[in-house]
């Protein structure tokens, strides 16, 4: 909301009514003194004509306006405007565990997730920063937070599958840490996983608290299919299915002020990332507007100089 960095300076505006009062008292006093004399020519000289009186009033009011604008300017006013000077920190946290090799998404889940992530990164604004964290049994940085989207896209395309388990808590915590690395920006983490947290040293609950402490909004994407997906078979020939822990992903999103999305195929995944890019709200920023008041004061001052000292005096 609108406000002032130095509101105490506005106290000087209280002198303006006093100046206005003094000016009017001087005018009254001058008229009263003139009336005491019977010499008509002296009275006219003392009172002056109406044009001269009007000229003095206009010059005085211009001076009051200049003082008022200067005082407001020194109070350092700022208002919320729809602009994004600082941008947004967006960190993608991608699951690269063994289950992401499933081929229900072509050519596999990881490659489909990477392609969809490109849609999101390419939709970011010029001053937004993007970064990537990947996780399996642990978490690591794939692309540091950067405003250079092409470099981040190159790092994204080079990500490969791993064989580990799924450490959602570790991945989220590292994503939050990366999003917080550049201050004074809105921070958003987007976490995609197709599995159940079964590895790592940080639990999803601890990662949620870490996100909330850092005031970071987390969007979660659950990657799965309408039908059960077989990942392979164990030593006894029993089918091993991909499991999606929607409950945990929903909890992460809900408690951090984000949203949960369920992807069932490549098309829905593309739409999800596109919608997330559009859903990232750029908050109104407090924008300093003291220059507006100083410029307006300068304009009034130039007008006053012209009226007072102009060659032909616009107001006589």
Protein backbone atom coordinates (compact mmCIF):
# COMPACT_ATOMS: atom_id res chain seq x y z
CA UNK A 1 0.00 0.00 0.00
CA UNK A 2 1.01 3.63 -0.45
CA UNK A 3 3.13 5.25 2.22
CA UNK A 4 6.13 7.41 3.11
CA UNK A 5 9.63 6.42 4.22
CA UNK A 6 10.01 9.68 6.20
CA UNK A 7 6.45 10.56 7.28
CA UNK A 8 7.67 13.01 9.94
CA UNK A 9 8.75 15.40 7.17
CA UNK A 10 5.07 15.91 6.36
CA UNK A 11 4.76 17.89 9.60
CA UNK A 12 6.24 20.84 7.71
CA UNK A 13 3.02 20.97 5.64
CA UNK A 14 1.37 22.39 8.77
CA UNK A 15 3.23 25.66 8.13
CA UNK A 16 1.40 26.18 4.82
CA UNK A 17 -1.93 27.24 6.38
CA UNK A 18 0.08 29.54 8.67
CA UNK A 19 1.79 31.17 5.68
CA UNK A 20 -1.57 31.52 3.96
CA UNK A 21 -3.02 33.17 7.07
CA UNK A 22 -0.07 35.59 7.40
CA UNK A 23 -0.33 36.52 3.71
CA UNK A 24 -4.04 37.35 4.01
CA UNK A 25 -3.48 39.32 7.21
CA UNK A 26 -0.82 41.43 5.50
CA UNK A 27 -3.22 42.13 2.63
CA UNK A 28 -5.97 43.17 5.05
CA UNK A 29 -3.60 45.36 7.03
CA UNK A 30 -2.42 47.08 3.86
CA UNK A 31 -6.01 47.83 2.82
CA UNK A 32 -6.98 49.10 6.26
CA UNK A 33 -3.99 51.44 6.41
CA UNK A 34 -4.79 52.77 2.96
CA UNK A 35 -8.36 53.59 3.94
CA UNK A 36 -7.13 55.88 6.74
CA UNK A 37 -5.84 58.36 4.14
CA UNK A 38 -8.17 60.66 2.24
CA UNK A 39 -5.83 61.29 -0.68
CA UNK A 40 -7.43 59.30 -3.51
CA UNK A 41 -4.18 58.94 -5.47
CA UNK A 42 -2.37 57.60 -2.42
CA UNK A 43 -5.14 55.07 -1.81
CA UNK A 44 -4.89 53.83 -5.39
CA UNK A 45 -1.14 53.60 -5.04
CA UNK A 46 -1.37 51.67 -1.80
CA UNK A 47 -4.06 49.28 -2.94
CA UNK A 48 -2.80 48.78 -6.46
CA UNK A 49 -5.07 47.72 -9.26
CA UNK A 50 -6.84 44.38 -9.44
CA UNK A 51 -4.42 42.95 -12.01
CA UNK A 52 -1.42 43.56 -9.76
CA UNK A 53 -3.26 42.05 -6.79
CA UNK A 54 -4.17 38.99 -8.85
CA UNK A 55 -0.55 38.64 -9.99
CA UNK A 56 0.71 38.68 -6.39
CA UNK A 57 -1.87 36.06 -5.38
CA UNK A 58 -0.88 33.73 -8.22
CA UNK A 59 2.83 34.06 -7.41
CA UNK A 60 2.15 33.39 -3.74
CA UNK A 61 0.06 30.30 -4.48
CA UNK A 62 2.79 29.00 -6.80
CA UNK A 63 5.30 29.41 -3.98
CA UNK A 64 3.02 27.46 -1.62
CA UNK A 65 2.66 24.71 -4.23
CA UNK A 66 6.45 24.49 -4.65
CA UNK A 67 6.96 24.20 -0.89
CA UNK A 68 4.22 21.51 -0.58
CA UNK A 69 5.65 19.41 -3.41
CA UNK A 70 9.19 19.66 -2.01
CA UNK A 71 8.03 18.61 1.47
CA UNK A 72 6.14 15.60 0.07
CA UNK A 73 9.19 14.67 -2.03
CA UNK A 74 11.50 14.76 0.99
CA UNK A 75 9.02 12.50 2.82
CA UNK A 76 10.01 9.83 0.23
CA UNK A 77 6.57 8.67 -1.00
CA UNK A 78 6.07 5.23 -2.55
CA UNK A 79 3.07 3.48 -4.09
CA UNK A 80 2.37 -0.11 -5.20
CA UNK A 81 2.61 -0.45 -8.98
CA UNK A 82 2.06 -3.47 -11.25
CA UNK A 83 5.67 -4.08 -12.17
CA UNK A 84 8.36 -6.64 -11.43
CA UNK A 85 11.62 -4.82 -10.92
CA UNK A 86 13.09 -7.65 -8.89
CA UNK A 87 11.51 -10.62 -10.67
CA UNK A 88 10.86 -14.09 -9.22
CA UNK A 89 13.18 -16.92 -8.16
CA UNK A 90 11.81 -20.14 -9.70
CA UNK A 91 13.48 -23.44 -8.79
CA UNK A 92 12.55 -26.72 -10.47
CA UNK A 93 13.03 -29.80 -8.28
CA UNK A 94 12.97 -32.90 -10.49
CA UNK A 95 12.79 -36.55 -9.51
CA UNK A 96 15.47 -38.53 -11.41
CA UNK A 97 15.11 -41.79 -9.48
CA UNK A 98 14.84 -45.21 -11.12
CA UNK A 99 11.06 -45.05 -11.48
CA UNK A 100 11.38 -42.10 -13.88
CA UNK A 101 12.55 -44.57 -16.55
CA UNK A 102 8.97 -45.81 -16.96
CA UNK A 103 7.82 -45.59 -20.58
CA UNK A 104 4.13 -44.70 -20.08
CA UNK A 105 5.31 -41.21 -21.14
CA UNK A 106 7.32 -41.24 -24.34
CA UNK A 107 10.23 -41.84 -24.51
CA UNK A 108 10.19 -42.06 -20.71
CA UNK A 109 8.95 -40.07 -17.73
CA UNK A 110 12.13 -38.08 -17.19
CA UNK A 111 12.46 -36.95 -20.79
CA UNK A 112 8.78 -35.95 -20.84
CA UNK A 113 9.26 -33.99 -17.60
CA UNK A 114 12.30 -32.22 -19.06
CA UNK A 115 10.41 -31.21 -22.21
CA UNK A 116 7.49 -29.87 -20.18
CA UNK A 117 9.88 -28.00 -17.88
CA UNK A 118 11.22 -26.16 -20.91
CA UNK A 119 7.74 -24.69 -21.43
CA UNK A 120 7.84 -23.25 -17.93
CA UNK A 121 11.36 -21.82 -18.14
CA UNK A 122 10.68 -20.22 -21.51
CA UNK A 123 7.55 -18.53 -20.09
CA UNK A 124 9.48 -16.71 -17.34
CA UNK A 125 10.01 -12.96 -17.47
CA UNK A 126 13.31 -11.28 -18.28
CA UNK A 127 14.19 -10.47 -14.66
CA UNK A 128 13.11 -13.85 -13.27
CA UNK A 129 15.81 -16.27 -12.15
CA UNK A 130 15.59 -20.04 -12.75
CA UNK A 131 17.46 -22.94 -11.18
CA UNK A 132 17.23 -26.74 -11.10
CA UNK A 133 17.67 -29.30 -8.33
CA UNK A 134 17.51 -33.05 -9.01
CA UNK A 135 16.99 -35.79 -6.46
CA UNK A 136 17.02 -39.57 -6.11
CA UNK A 137 18.60 -41.15 -2.99
CA UNK A 138 19.93 -37.65 -2.27
CA UNK A 139 19.74 -34.24 -3.89
CA UNK A 140 22.16 -32.18 -5.96
CA UNK A 141 22.23 -28.98 -8.00
CA UNK A 142 21.78 -29.34 -11.76
CA UNK A 143 21.67 -25.62 -12.61
CA UNK A 144 22.41 -22.72 -10.30
CA UNK A 145 19.86 -19.94 -9.95
CA UNK A 146 20.44 -17.60 -12.89
CA UNK A 147 18.71 -14.97 -15.06
CA UNK A 148 20.25 -16.61 -18.16
CA UNK A 149 17.43 -18.95 -19.16
CA UNK A 150 19.29 -20.50 -22.13
CA UNK A 151 22.08 -21.71 -19.87
CA UNK A 152 19.53 -23.21 -17.49
CA UNK A 153 17.80 -24.93 -20.43
CA UNK A 154 21.13 -26.41 -21.54
CA UNK A 155 21.66 -27.84 -18.05
CA UNK A 156 18.09 -29.17 -18.04
CA UNK A 157 18.57 -31.01 -21.32
CA UNK A 158 21.74 -32.69 -20.02
CA UNK A 159 20.03 -34.28 -17.00
CA UNK A 160 20.08 -38.10 -17.10
CA UNK A 161 18.36 -40.89 -15.22
CA UNK A 162 19.77 -42.30 -11.96
CA UNK A 163 19.11 -45.63 -10.31
CA UNK A 164 18.51 -44.44 -6.73
CA UNK A 165 15.42 -44.28 -4.57
CA UNK A 166 13.29 -41.16 -3.87
CA UNK A 167 14.38 -38.48 -1.38
CA UNK A 168 11.59 -35.94 -1.68
CA UNK A 169 12.53 -34.17 1.57
CA UNK A 170 16.16 -33.71 0.52
CA UNK A 171 15.14 -32.42 -2.91
CA UNK A 172 12.63 -29.93 -1.53
CA UNK A 173 15.04 -28.64 1.13
CA UNK A 174 17.78 -28.02 -1.43
CA UNK A 175 15.25 -26.32 -3.71
CA UNK A 176 14.17 -24.01 -0.89
CA UNK A 177 17.79 -23.23 -0.07
CA UNK A 178 18.49 -22.34 -3.71
CA UNK A 179 15.37 -20.18 -4.03
CA UNK A 180 16.48 -18.23 -0.94
CA UNK A 181 20.00 -17.61 -2.23
CA UNK A 182 19.03 -14.37 -4.03
CA UNK A 183 17.09 -12.06 -1.66
CA UNK A 184 14.42 -9.43 -2.33
CA UNK A 185 12.51 -11.61 -4.77
CA UNK A 186 9.34 -13.65 -4.67
CA UNK A 187 10.36 -17.30 -4.32
CA UNK A 188 8.65 -20.31 -5.92
CA UNK A 189 9.64 -23.98 -5.93
CA UNK A 190 8.08 -26.50 -8.34
CA UNK A 191 8.59 -30.12 -7.29
CA UNK A 192 7.85 -33.07 -9.59
CA UNK A 193 7.91 -36.66 -8.41
CA UNK A 194 6.42 -39.99 -9.41
CA UNK A 195 7.30 -41.93 -6.27
CA UNK A 196 7.17 -42.30 -2.50
CA UNK A 197 9.71 -40.73 -0.16
CA UNK A 198 11.89 -43.67 0.85
CA UNK A 199 15.40 -42.21 1.15
CA UNK A 200 17.38 -39.16 2.25
CA UNK A 201 18.17 -37.53 5.58
CA UNK A 202 15.41 -34.87 5.62
CA UNK A 203 11.77 -35.89 5.93
CA UNK A 204 9.05 -34.20 3.84
CA UNK A 205 7.60 -32.74 7.06
CA UNK A 206 10.92 -31.10 7.95
CA UNK A 207 11.23 -29.77 4.40
CA UNK A 208 7.72 -28.29 4.66
CA UNK A 209 8.69 -26.42 7.83
CA UNK A 210 11.86 -25.18 6.13
CA UNK A 211 9.75 -23.89 3.23
CA UNK A 212 7.34 -22.11 5.54
CA UNK A 213 10.16 -20.50 7.53
CA UNK A 214 11.55 -19.07 4.30
CA UNK A 215 8.06 -18.06 3.05
CA UNK A 216 8.43 -20.09 -0.13
CA UNK A 217 5.42 -21.23 -2.15
CA UNK A 218 5.72 -24.80 -3.41
CA UNK A 219 3.81 -26.22 -6.38
CA UNK A 220 3.87 -30.00 -6.59
CA UNK A 221 3.30 -32.21 -9.63
CA UNK A 222 2.48 -35.88 -9.23
CA UNK A 223 3.52 -37.87 -12.29
CA UNK A 224 1.60 -41.05 -12.98
CA UNK A 225 -0.86 -42.79 -15.29
CA UNK A 226 -4.48 -43.84 -15.25
CA UNK A 227 -3.43 -47.50 -15.18
CA UNK A 228 -0.76 -49.15 -12.95
CA UNK A 229 2.73 -49.02 -14.49
CA UNK A 230 5.11 -51.95 -14.18
CA UNK A 231 8.72 -50.93 -13.59
CA UNK A 232 10.16 -54.44 -13.53
CA UNK A 233 10.12 -57.73 -11.65
CA UNK A 234 11.78 -58.90 -8.45
CA UNK A 235 13.81 -62.11 -7.95
CA UNK A 236 10.61 -64.08 -7.51
CA UNK A 237 9.06 -62.79 -10.73
CA UNK A 238 6.62 -60.49 -9.01
CA UNK A 239 5.75 -57.23 -10.82
CA UNK A 240 7.06 -54.00 -9.29
CA UNK A 241 4.73 -51.06 -9.85
CA UNK A 242 5.40 -47.33 -9.85
CA UNK A 243 3.83 -45.76 -6.77
CA UNK A 244 2.81 -42.12 -6.49
CA UNK A 245 2.47 -40.61 -3.01
CA UNK A 246 -0.19 -38.00 -3.75
CA UNK A 247 -0.93 -37.44 -0.08
CA UNK A 248 2.57 -36.15 0.64
CA UNK A 249 2.67 -33.96 -2.47
CA UNK A 250 -0.74 -32.47 -1.63
CA UNK A 251 0.39 -31.76 1.92
CA UNK A 252 3.54 -29.97 0.72
CA UNK A 253 1.53 -27.76 -1.62
CA UNK A 254 -1.29 -27.01 0.81
CA UNK A 255 0.91 -26.08 3.77
CA UNK A 256 3.19 -23.80 1.74
CA UNK A 257 0.41 -21.94 -0.09
CA UNK A 258 1.00 -23.64 -3.44
CA UNK A 259 -1.06 -26.05 -5.53
CA UNK A 260 -0.96 -29.75 -6.34
CA UNK A 261 -1.36 -31.02 -9.91
CA UNK A 262 -1.84 -34.60 -11.10
CA UNK A 263 -0.35 -35.53 -14.46
CA UNK A 264 -1.59 -38.64 -16.25
CA UNK A 265 0.06 -38.19 -19.66
CA UNK A 266 2.39 -35.93 -21.66
CA UNK A 267 -0.41 -33.54 -22.68
CA UNK A 268 -1.61 -32.94 -19.14
CA UNK A 269 1.99 -32.44 -17.98
CA UNK A 270 2.53 -29.77 -20.65
CA UNK A 271 -0.66 -27.98 -19.59
CA UNK A 272 0.31 -28.15 -15.93
CA UNK A 273 3.68 -26.47 -16.47
CA UNK A 274 2.11 -23.86 -18.72
CA UNK A 275 -0.55 -23.09 -16.11
CA UNK A 276 2.01 -22.86 -13.32
CA UNK A 277 3.98 -20.32 -15.36
CA UNK A 278 0.84 -18.21 -15.75
CA UNK A 279 -0.20 -18.73 -12.13
CA UNK A 280 2.99 -17.30 -10.63
CA UNK A 281 1.74 -13.97 -9.33
CA UNK A 282 4.09 -11.05 -9.45
CA UNK A 283 3.29 -8.98 -6.39
CA UNK A 284 2.90 -5.23 -6.55
CA UNK A 285 6.12 -3.57 -5.50
CA UNK A 286 6.54 -0.39 -3.54
CA UNK A 287 7.88 2.10 -6.08
CA UNK A 288 9.52 5.35 -5.01
CA UNK A 289 7.85 8.36 -6.65
CA UNK A 290 9.63 11.27 -4.93
CA UNK A 291 11.10 12.27 -8.32
CA UNK A 292 7.57 13.00 -9.55
CA UNK A 293 7.10 15.60 -6.81
CA UNK A 294 10.54 17.17 -7.25
CA UNK A 295 9.95 17.44 -11.00
CA UNK A 296 6.53 19.03 -10.43
CA UNK A 297 8.09 21.50 -7.97
CA UNK A 298 10.72 22.41 -10.58
CA UNK A 299 8.02 23.02 -13.19
CA UNK A 300 6.10 25.33 -10.82
CA UNK A 301 9.33 27.16 -10.00
CA UNK A 302 10.05 27.76 -13.69
CA UNK A 303 6.49 29.00 -14.20
CA UNK A 304 6.91 31.38 -11.26
CA UNK A 305 10.20 32.71 -12.67
CA UNK A 306 8.54 33.30 -16.04
CA UNK A 307 5.58 35.12 -14.53
CA UNK A 308 7.78 37.19 -12.23
CA UNK A 309 10.67 38.07 -14.55
CA UNK A 310 9.41 37.31 -18.06
CA UNK A 311 10.23 39.94 -20.68
CA UNK A 312 6.64 41.05 -21.14
CA UNK A 313 5.33 39.76 -17.81
CA UNK A 314 2.39 37.51 -18.63
CA UNK A 315 0.61 38.82 -15.53
CA UNK A 316 1.09 42.56 -14.93
